[in-house]
Every structure is written in C-alpha cells, then in structure tokens.
C-alpha cells in the first residue's frame, strides 16, 4: 500500500507477524553518492584490479604459479608434491580455473598410464613480477612484525 506524506510515500509490506514500512523518498535522499573514484580512468583501473583479484584470488594460485615458474612443465603428481598442504581435489580445481583463465595449458600425453603436463602461458608468465613484488613485500612485512 502507498500512503502520501509530506516527505514522500510510505511503502508497507506485510509478512506473517511482521510489518515493514519504508519512506521511499527519504531512503533515496539518505544514500550518499560516490565522490571518489568516479573518473572513467579510475573506474577502468578499479575494474582491472577486480578482474585480476578474481583471477588470482585464493590460497593456492600464487603458490602453483610460482612453482610452475621455477619448473617450466610439471605433471599433476609433481605439482601435488611441490605445493605443500594442497589436496588433490583442490589442486585439480585450481588448475582447471587457471586453464579456463588462460594462465596455464594442460597437455595430455598418450602414455600408459596417461600423463598430464601443465605449463604456463604468456599470461601466466606475466604474473612473475607480481609474485616477486608480493614476495618482497611479504619478507619486509614479516621482518617488521617479527622484530616487534
């Protein structure tokens, strides 16, 4: 139901045992508009950061990428041994995600038993400076925190 008021309209919603009333115009006035990060250039950077964070997020992706950077091509079981603490199912999921995002390639070799090798793509290799910067920052942070 709508009720006209001096400030706007009330919207009343009823559920069993509850009644919710909203002043639609006041609610719209109370929300502040963004004042920072509104330029097209800034929005473009924020979108790029969101994309990167989505693709590289998770506990294991940097560890897997770093391992592949050091070893070029690796088989599934070799990766499982090198990435300490990861379960086979999680490694499989992360490798699949990275393949879908074109960070790695998966090559099936027709042997008995079947062998699967993983290798970084150009996009995967382009993450190396980021990994090095994060590692450097992590060492400085750990040094500063442990010193306290």
Protein backbone atom coordinates (compact mmCIF):
# COMPACT_ATOMS: atom_id res chain seq x y z
CA UNK A 1 0.00 0.00 0.00
CA UNK A 2 1.18 3.56 -0.66
CA UNK A 3 0.46 6.43 1.75
CA UNK A 4 1.24 10.01 0.61
CA UNK A 5 3.20 12.02 3.21
CA UNK A 6 4.87 15.41 3.32
CA UNK A 7 8.26 13.73 2.79
CA UNK A 8 7.22 11.23 0.14
CA UNK A 9 5.47 7.89 0.03
CA UNK A 10 5.35 5.10 2.55
CA UNK A 11 5.52 1.57 1.29
CA UNK A 12 4.11 -1.01 3.66
CA UNK A 13 4.93 -4.68 3.26
CA UNK A 14 3.31 -7.29 5.45
CA UNK A 15 4.56 -10.78 6.22
CA UNK A 16 3.07 -13.10 8.80
CA UNK A 17 3.89 -11.47 12.12
CA UNK A 18 5.84 -8.52 10.65
CA UNK A 19 5.08 -5.20 9.01
CA UNK A 20 7.82 -3.26 7.25
CA UNK A 21 7.33 0.40 6.39
CA UNK A 22 9.69 2.31 4.11
CA UNK A 23 9.76 6.00 3.32
CA UNK A 24 10.89 5.77 -0.32
CA UNK A 25 11.96 9.38 -0.85
CA UNK A 26 13.85 9.72 2.46
CA UNK A 27 15.61 6.44 1.78
CA UNK A 28 16.78 7.74 -1.61
CA UNK A 29 17.96 11.03 -0.10
CA UNK A 30 19.91 9.33 2.67
CA UNK A 31 22.17 7.39 0.32
CA UNK A 32 25.34 9.33 -0.45
CA UNK A 33 26.69 9.34 -3.96
CA UNK A 34 30.28 8.28 -4.60
CA UNK A 35 32.61 11.25 -4.84
CA UNK A 36 35.96 9.45 -5.24
CA UNK A 37 36.87 7.01 -7.99
CA UNK A 38 34.30 8.38 -10.41
CA UNK A 39 36.50 9.36 -13.36
CA UNK A 40 36.45 6.98 -16.34
CA UNK A 41 40.19 6.38 -15.97
CA UNK A 42 39.83 5.49 -12.29
CA UNK A 43 36.84 3.23 -12.93
CA UNK A 44 38.82 1.43 -15.64
CA UNK A 45 41.68 0.78 -13.19
CA UNK A 46 39.32 -0.42 -10.48
CA UNK A 47 37.68 -2.83 -12.93
CA UNK A 48 41.10 -4.14 -13.99
CA UNK A 49 42.08 -4.67 -10.33
CA UNK A 50 38.80 -6.51 -9.65
CA UNK A 51 39.44 -8.75 -12.67
CA UNK A 52 42.99 -9.51 -11.53
CA UNK A 53 41.91 -10.20 -7.96
CA UNK A 54 39.15 -12.54 -9.14
CA UNK A 55 41.52 -14.49 -11.40
CA UNK A 56 44.37 -14.67 -8.89
CA UNK A 57 42.39 -14.97 -5.65
CA UNK A 58 42.61 -17.99 -3.43
CA UNK A 59 45.10 -19.61 -1.15
CA UNK A 60 46.89 -21.71 -3.76
CA UNK A 61 47.08 -19.91 -7.12
CA UNK A 62 50.25 -17.91 -6.42
CA UNK A 63 51.95 -20.99 -4.99
CA UNK A 64 51.05 -23.06 -8.07
CA UNK A 65 52.09 -20.27 -10.47
CA UNK A 66 55.36 -19.74 -8.60
CA UNK A 67 56.11 -23.46 -8.70
CA UNK A 68 55.45 -23.59 -12.45
CA UNK A 69 57.64 -20.51 -12.96
CA UNK A 70 60.55 -22.33 -11.34
CA UNK A 71 59.99 -25.71 -13.04
CA UNK A 72 58.60 -24.93 -16.52
CA UNK A 73 56.45 -28.04 -17.26
CA UNK A 74 55.15 -30.19 -14.45
CA UNK A 75 52.98 -33.26 -14.08
CA UNK A 76 49.99 -33.31 -11.74
CA UNK A 77 51.62 -35.54 -9.11
CA UNK A 78 54.81 -33.45 -9.16
CA UNK A 79 52.75 -30.31 -8.51
CA UNK A 80 50.89 -32.11 -5.73
CA UNK A 81 54.23 -32.96 -4.06
CA UNK A 82 55.65 -29.44 -4.50
CA UNK A 83 52.64 -27.41 -3.33
CA UNK A 84 52.77 -28.32 0.34
CA UNK A 85 49.42 -28.87 2.03
CA UNK A 86 47.13 -28.82 -1.02
CA UNK A 87 44.68 -31.68 -1.54
CA UNK A 88 44.47 -33.41 -4.93
CA UNK A 89 40.88 -32.25 -5.44
CA UNK A 90 41.78 -28.62 -4.69
CA UNK A 91 44.83 -28.75 -6.97
CA UNK A 92 42.65 -30.14 -9.75
CA UNK A 93 40.08 -27.36 -9.23
CA UNK A 94 42.74 -24.60 -9.15
CA UNK A 95 44.46 -25.96 -12.28
CA UNK A 96 41.10 -26.10 -14.06
CA UNK A 97 40.36 -22.47 -13.06
CA UNK A 98 43.78 -21.32 -14.23
CA UNK A 99 43.35 -23.18 -17.52
CA UNK A 100 39.97 -21.52 -18.05
CA UNK A 101 41.59 -18.12 -17.38
CA UNK A 102 44.40 -18.93 -19.84
CA UNK A 103 47.16 -18.81 -17.24
CA UNK A 104 48.27 -22.40 -17.91
CA UNK A 105 47.94 -25.03 -20.61
CA UNK A 106 47.13 -28.66 -19.98
CA UNK A 107 48.65 -31.28 -22.25
CA UNK A 108 47.58 -34.92 -22.18
CA UNK A 109 50.34 -37.28 -23.25
CA UNK A 110 49.23 -40.64 -24.64
CA UNK A 111 51.24 -42.96 -22.42
CA UNK A 112 50.31 -45.86 -20.17
CA UNK A 113 49.12 -44.60 -17.74
CA UNK A 114 48.05 -41.29 -19.25
CA UNK A 115 50.34 -38.40 -18.32
CA UNK A 116 49.11 -34.81 -17.92
CA UNK A 117 51.56 -31.91 -18.03
CA UNK A 118 50.89 -28.30 -17.07
CA UNK A 119 52.79 -25.32 -18.41
CA UNK A 120 52.45 -21.55 -18.04
CA UNK A 121 51.09 -19.48 -20.92
CA UNK A 122 52.33 -15.97 -21.71
CA UNK A 123 49.63 -14.59 -19.38
CA UNK A 124 50.85 -16.97 -16.67
CA UNK A 125 54.45 -15.87 -17.16
CA UNK A 126 53.39 -12.22 -17.00
CA UNK A 127 52.44 -12.75 -13.32
CA UNK A 128 56.12 -13.28 -12.36
CA UNK A 129 56.85 -9.61 -11.50
CA UNK A 130 53.72 -9.51 -9.35
CA UNK A 131 54.76 -12.66 -7.49
CA UNK A 132 58.26 -11.21 -6.96
CA UNK A 133 56.82 -7.92 -5.62
CA UNK A 134 54.41 -9.72 -3.28
CA UNK A 135 57.24 -11.96 -2.03
CA UNK A 136 59.43 -8.91 -1.41
CA UNK A 137 56.66 -7.11 0.44
CA UNK A 138 55.94 -10.28 2.46
CA UNK A 139 59.58 -10.55 3.54
CA UNK A 140 59.66 -6.90 4.63
CA UNK A 141 56.37 -7.28 6.48
CA UNK A 142 57.46 -10.47 8.24
CA UNK A 143 60.78 -8.85 9.19
CA UNK A 144 58.96 -5.82 10.61
CA UNK A 145 56.35 -7.84 12.51
CA UNK A 146 58.79 -10.40 13.91
CA UNK A 147 61.13 -7.58 15.03
CA UNK A 148 58.39 -6.12 17.24
